[in-house]
Amino acid sequence: MLLTILGGLDKDGRPEAVERINMVRGEILGIVGPTGSGKSTLIDDLEQFAQGDTSSRRKILIDGRPPEEAVRSDPRKKPVAQLSQNMHFLADMTVEEFLEMHAKSRGKGPEIVDRVVELANTLTGEPVRREHHLTMLSGGQSRALMTADIAAISDSPIVLIDEIENAGIKKQEALNLLAGEGKIVVVVTHDPMLALMTSRRIVMKNGGMVKVINTSDGEKGVFSDLLRVDRWLSTLREAIRQGEAVGAAL
């Protein structure tokens, strides 16, 4: 799949500096910019497969063509999955019941439940178990479960992620998992680590795409340094959460 954004207008009605950007399966693309710069509007345009009919006037193409109307209007045919910071379940069923139901709807067998639970537990420090009720899961457990579900069960080739830096999951592992399953991953972020994990990042300003930055080798070196610091902080965070003395744990 080739996903294309055709530039529209910024908040002042001026043409966007970025006229066209293409994305392919397995790619992680970032969207960065200050609050109010238009990041969420761009995500909304992608989710709606805008055709010049939103405030931005952007157009979204699939394989170089406008999507069929059913793709835009029928949730069952829309090839998009979304993850956000605020994600909680309302259905009063167990993890196992939910996953089996979703797998059946996708034409997959119940044996995939074990893989989804296993993947979810690589993304969160709070174990997710088959017998847990969805409504009792924490925010981090919920997002870990949905990330694993999207990776293993969902057929959606496009994943839109809105600011998961404080979502209570191992964010680098989550992005790598989704990209490794051949998804096009688009992530809105203020987190330097997430921004530098991407192959490219769209810079937003005043409602418009102003430039695209390719992640350089130098930036990849900065990411490696940040990763070491993040792992140290994760160890410290877990030690404190488990009631350990920090000096002894580190």
Protein backbone atom coordinates (compact mmCIF):
# COMPACT_ATOMS: atom_id res chain seq x y z
CA MET A 1 0.00 0.00 0.00
CA LEU A 2 1.11 3.54 -0.81
CA LEU A 3 -0.49 6.27 1.32
CA THR A 4 -0.22 9.83 -0.01
CA ILE A 5 -0.97 13.21 1.54
CA LEU A 6 -1.57 16.04 -0.94
CA GLY A 7 -1.05 19.42 0.69
CA GLY A 8 -3.88 21.87 1.21
CA LEU A 9 -4.02 25.19 3.04
CA ASP A 10 -2.77 26.49 6.39
CA LYS A 11 -4.89 28.48 8.84
CA ASP A 12 -4.34 31.69 6.83
CA GLY A 13 -5.47 30.06 3.60
CA ARG A 14 -1.98 29.84 2.12
CA PRO A 15 -0.84 26.71 0.27
CA GLU A 16 1.16 24.31 2.42
CA ALA A 17 4.90 24.23 1.80
CA VAL A 18 4.79 20.42 1.65
CA GLU A 19 2.81 19.63 -1.48
CA ARG A 20 3.02 15.84 -1.37
CA ILE A 21 4.32 13.09 0.89
CA ASN A 22 4.18 9.33 0.35
CA MET A 23 4.26 6.59 3.00
CA VAL A 24 4.78 2.84 2.57
CA ARG A 25 4.20 -0.25 4.72
CA GLY A 26 6.67 -0.72 7.56
CA GLU A 27 7.43 2.99 7.80
CA ILE A 28 7.10 5.08 10.96
CA LEU A 29 6.32 8.72 10.15
CA GLY A 30 6.27 11.43 12.81
CA ILE A 31 4.17 14.57 13.10
CA VAL A 32 5.71 17.29 15.29
CA GLY A 33 4.98 20.89 16.13
CA PRO A 34 3.83 23.12 18.99
CA THR A 35 0.37 22.99 20.53
CA GLY A 36 -2.20 24.37 18.10
CA SER A 37 0.01 23.85 15.04
CA GLY A 38 -2.44 21.47 13.34
CA LYS A 39 -1.08 18.03 14.26
CA SER A 40 -4.45 16.61 15.29
CA THR A 41 -6.12 18.06 12.19
CA LEU A 42 -3.63 16.20 9.99
CA ILE A 43 -4.34 12.95 11.88
CA ASP A 44 -8.08 13.58 11.43
CA ASP A 45 -7.58 14.12 7.70
CA LEU A 46 -5.81 10.78 7.45
CA GLU A 47 -8.51 9.01 9.47
CA GLN A 48 -11.26 10.49 7.29
CA PHE A 49 -9.34 10.07 4.01
CA ALA A 50 -10.04 13.73 3.33
CA GLN A 51 -10.80 14.68 -0.25
CA GLY A 52 -10.54 18.44 -0.11
CA ASP A 53 -13.68 18.52 2.03
CA THR A 54 -12.13 19.41 5.39
CA SER A 55 -10.90 22.77 6.70
CA SER A 56 -7.35 21.99 5.52
CA ARG A 57 -8.43 21.12 1.95
CA ARG A 58 -5.97 18.22 1.94
CA LYS A 59 -6.48 15.05 -0.07
CA ILE A 60 -5.48 11.55 0.98
CA LEU A 61 -4.80 8.94 -1.69
CA ILE A 62 -4.40 5.16 -1.52
CA ASP A 63 -2.07 3.72 -4.16
CA GLY A 64 -2.24 7.02 -6.02
CA ARG A 65 -6.05 7.17 -6.21
CA PRO A 66 -8.89 8.59 -4.11
CA PRO A 67 -10.39 5.84 -1.93
CA GLU A 68 -13.79 4.39 -2.71
CA GLU A 69 -16.65 6.02 -0.84
CA ALA A 70 -17.25 2.83 1.15
CA VAL A 71 -13.70 3.02 2.50
CA ARG A 72 -14.46 6.48 3.88
CA SER A 73 -17.95 5.81 5.24
CA ASP A 74 -18.05 2.14 6.30
CA PRO A 75 -16.07 1.43 9.52
CA ARG A 76 -15.84 -2.24 8.52
CA LYS A 77 -13.92 -1.32 5.36
CA LYS A 78 -11.83 1.57 6.67
CA PRO A 79 -8.16 0.42 6.69
CA VAL A 80 -7.25 2.55 9.72
CA ALA A 81 -6.70 1.76 13.41
CA GLN A 82 -6.12 4.42 16.06
CA LEU A 83 -4.32 4.50 19.39
CA SER A 84 -4.55 7.40 21.81
CA GLN A 85 -3.49 8.23 25.35
CA ASN A 86 -7.07 8.08 26.60
CA MET A 87 -8.14 4.51 25.90
CA HIS A 88 -10.40 2.46 28.17
CA PHE A 89 -12.75 -0.43 27.55
CA LEU A 90 -16.48 -0.22 28.19
CA ALA A 91 -17.43 -3.84 27.39
CA ASP A 92 -17.75 -6.01 30.49
CA MET A 93 -16.01 -9.13 29.21
CA THR A 94 -12.68 -10.82 29.78
CA VAL A 95 -9.57 -10.27 27.71
CA GLU A 96 -9.94 -13.80 26.34
CA GLU A 97 -13.59 -13.29 25.34
CA PHE A 98 -12.81 -9.99 23.62
CA LEU A 99 -9.84 -11.33 21.68
CA GLU A 100 -11.68 -14.48 20.60
CA MET A 101 -14.61 -12.38 19.39
CA HIS A 102 -12.33 -10.03 17.44
CA ALA A 103 -10.33 -12.91 15.97
CA LYS A 104 -13.53 -14.64 14.83
CA SER A 105 -14.74 -11.44 13.15
CA ARG A 106 -11.45 -11.32 11.23
CA GLY A 107 -11.62 -14.97 10.20
CA LYS A 108 -8.87 -16.05 12.61
CA GLY A 109 -8.89 -18.86 15.14
CA PRO A 110 -8.84 -18.64 18.95
CA GLU A 111 -5.24 -19.85 19.02
CA ILE A 112 -4.11 -16.30 18.22
CA VAL A 113 -5.24 -15.17 21.69
CA ASP A 114 -2.07 -16.52 23.29
CA ARG A 115 0.10 -14.54 20.86
CA VAL A 116 -1.79 -11.29 21.49
CA VAL A 117 -1.52 -11.67 25.27
CA GLU A 118 2.17 -12.52 24.96
CA LEU A 119 2.80 -9.46 22.79
CA ALA A 120 0.83 -7.22 25.15
CA ASN A 121 3.01 -8.32 28.03
CA THR A 122 6.15 -7.24 26.19
CA LEU A 123 4.76 -3.68 26.16
CA THR A 124 3.69 -3.16 29.76
CA GLY A 125 5.11 -3.79 33.20
CA GLU A 126 1.64 -4.67 34.47
CA PRO A 127 0.81 -8.22 33.33
CA VAL A 128 -2.25 -8.69 31.14
CA ARG A 129 -3.98 -12.04 31.70
CA ARG A 130 -6.65 -13.83 29.71
CA GLU A 131 -9.04 -13.84 32.66
CA HIS A 132 -8.75 -10.11 33.39
CA HIS A 133 -11.93 -8.11 32.82
CA LEU A 134 -11.47 -5.32 30.28
CA THR A 135 -13.06 -2.70 32.52
CA MET A 136 -10.52 -3.43 35.25
CA LEU A 137 -7.45 -2.87 33.07
CA SER A 138 -5.31 0.19 33.69
CA GLY A 139 -4.66 2.70 30.93
CA GLY A 140 -1.25 1.17 30.22
CA GLN A 141 -2.64 -2.37 30.11
CA SER A 142 -5.46 -1.25 27.79
CA ARG A 143 -3.10 0.41 25.33
CA ALA A 144 -0.69 -2.52 25.42
CA LEU A 145 -3.55 -4.92 24.69
CA MET A 146 -4.90 -2.78 21.84
CA THR A 147 -1.43 -2.37 20.32
CA ALA A 148 -0.93 -6.15 20.34
CA ASP A 149 -4.46 -6.67 19.00
CA ILE A 150 -3.84 -4.27 16.10
CA ALA A 151 -0.51 -5.94 15.32
CA ALA A 152 -1.71 -9.54 15.41
CA ILE A 153 -5.45 -9.55 14.64
CA SER A 154 -6.44 -6.35 12.90
CA ASP A 155 -6.16 -6.19 9.12
CA SER A 156 -5.81 -2.39 9.18
CA PRO A 157 -2.62 -1.47 7.32
CA ILE A 158 -2.58 2.10 8.69
CA VAL A 159 -2.13 2.93 12.39
CA LEU A 160 -2.57 6.48 13.67
CA ILE A 161 -1.10 7.21 17.11
CA ASP A 162 -1.80 10.40 19.03
CA GLU A 163 0.78 11.20 21.71
CA ILE A 164 1.49 7.91 23.50
CA GLU A 165 4.59 9.19 25.30
CA ASN A 166 2.73 9.18 28.64
CA ALA A 167 0.55 6.19 27.83
CA GLY A 168 2.10 3.75 30.32
CA ILE A 169 3.54 1.37 27.73
CA LYS A 170 6.99 0.70 26.27
CA LYS A 171 6.59 3.09 23.39
CA GLN A 172 9.64 2.11 21.34
CA GLU A 173 8.70 -1.55 21.44
CA ALA A 174 5.11 -0.67 20.49
CA LEU A 175 6.13 1.28 17.40
CA ASN A 176 8.63 -1.35 16.31
CA LEU A 177 6.02 -4.08 16.77
CA LEU A 178 3.49 -2.32 14.55
CA ALA A 179 6.01 -1.39 11.86
CA GLY A 180 7.41 -4.92 11.95
CA GLU A 181 3.94 -6.24 11.11
CA GLY A 182 3.96 -4.18 7.92
CA LYS A 183 1.80 -1.31 9.14
CA ILE A 184 2.13 2.30 8.04
CA VAL A 185 2.56 3.99 11.43
CA VAL A 186 1.89 7.72 11.81
CA VAL A 187 2.64 9.11 15.27
CA VAL A 188 1.93 12.57 16.69
CA THR A 189 4.52 13.26 19.35
CA HIS A 190 6.38 15.79 21.50
CA ASP A 191 8.77 13.08 22.72
CA PRO A 192 12.33 13.44 21.32
CA MET A 193 12.82 9.66 21.42
CA LEU A 194 9.70 8.91 19.43
CA ALA A 195 10.44 11.70 16.97
CA LEU A 196 13.93 10.31 16.34
CA MET A 197 12.60 6.76 15.95
CA THR A 198 10.77 7.81 12.81
CA SER A 199 12.27 7.67 9.34
CA ARG A 200 10.87 11.15 8.65
CA ARG A 201 8.85 13.74 10.50
CA ILE A 202 6.40 16.32 9.22
CA VAL A 203 6.81 19.69 10.90
CA MET A 204 3.53 21.54 11.49
CA LYS A 205 3.08 25.28 11.96
CA ASN A 206 -0.02 27.48 11.80
CA GLY A 207 -2.13 24.57 10.61
CA GLY A 208 0.16 23.69 7.70
CA MET A 209 2.91 21.23 6.82
CA VAL A 210 5.99 23.44 6.56
CA LYS A 211 8.72 20.85 5.96
CA VAL A 212 9.70 17.20 6.16
CA ILE A 213 12.88 16.23 8.02
CA ASN A 214 14.61 12.95 7.21
CA THR A 215 16.18 11.40 10.31
CA SER A 216 19.94 11.76 9.85
CA ASP A 217 22.73 9.47 11.03
CA GLY A 218 23.62 12.11 13.62
CA GLU A 219 20.08 12.08 14.96
CA LYS A 220 20.15 8.29 15.12
CA GLY A 221 23.22 8.63 17.35
CA VAL A 222 21.29 11.03 19.60
CA PHE A 223 18.47 8.48 19.72
CA SER A 224 20.90 5.80 20.92
CA ASP A 225 22.00 8.10 23.75
CA LEU A 226 18.40 8.87 24.68
CA LEU A 227 17.56 5.16 24.64
CA ARG A 228 20.22 4.44 27.26
CA VAL A 229 18.88 7.21 29.48
CA ASP A 230 15.30 6.01 28.98
CA ARG A 231 16.20 2.45 29.97
CA TRP A 232 17.91 3.73 33.10
CA LEU A 233 14.82 5.77 33.97
CA SER A 234 12.60 2.74 33.34
CA THR A 235 14.72 0.69 35.77
CA LEU A 236 14.49 3.47 38.34
CA ARG A 237 10.73 3.84 37.86
CA GLU A 238 10.14 0.11 38.29
CA ALA A 239 12.34 -0.05 41.39
CA ILE A 240 10.36 2.75 43.03
CA ARG A 241 7.06 1.21 42.03
CA GLN A 242 8.11 -2.11 43.60
CA GLY A 243 9.06 -0.35 46.83
CA GLU A 244 12.79 -0.96 46.48
CA ALA A 245 15.58 1.27 47.72
CA VAL A 246 16.90 3.09 44.67
CA GLY A 247 20.58 2.77 45.59
CA ALA A 248 20.28 -0.98 46.01
CA ALA A 249 18.36 -1.40 42.75
CA LEU A 250 20.80 0.63 40.68
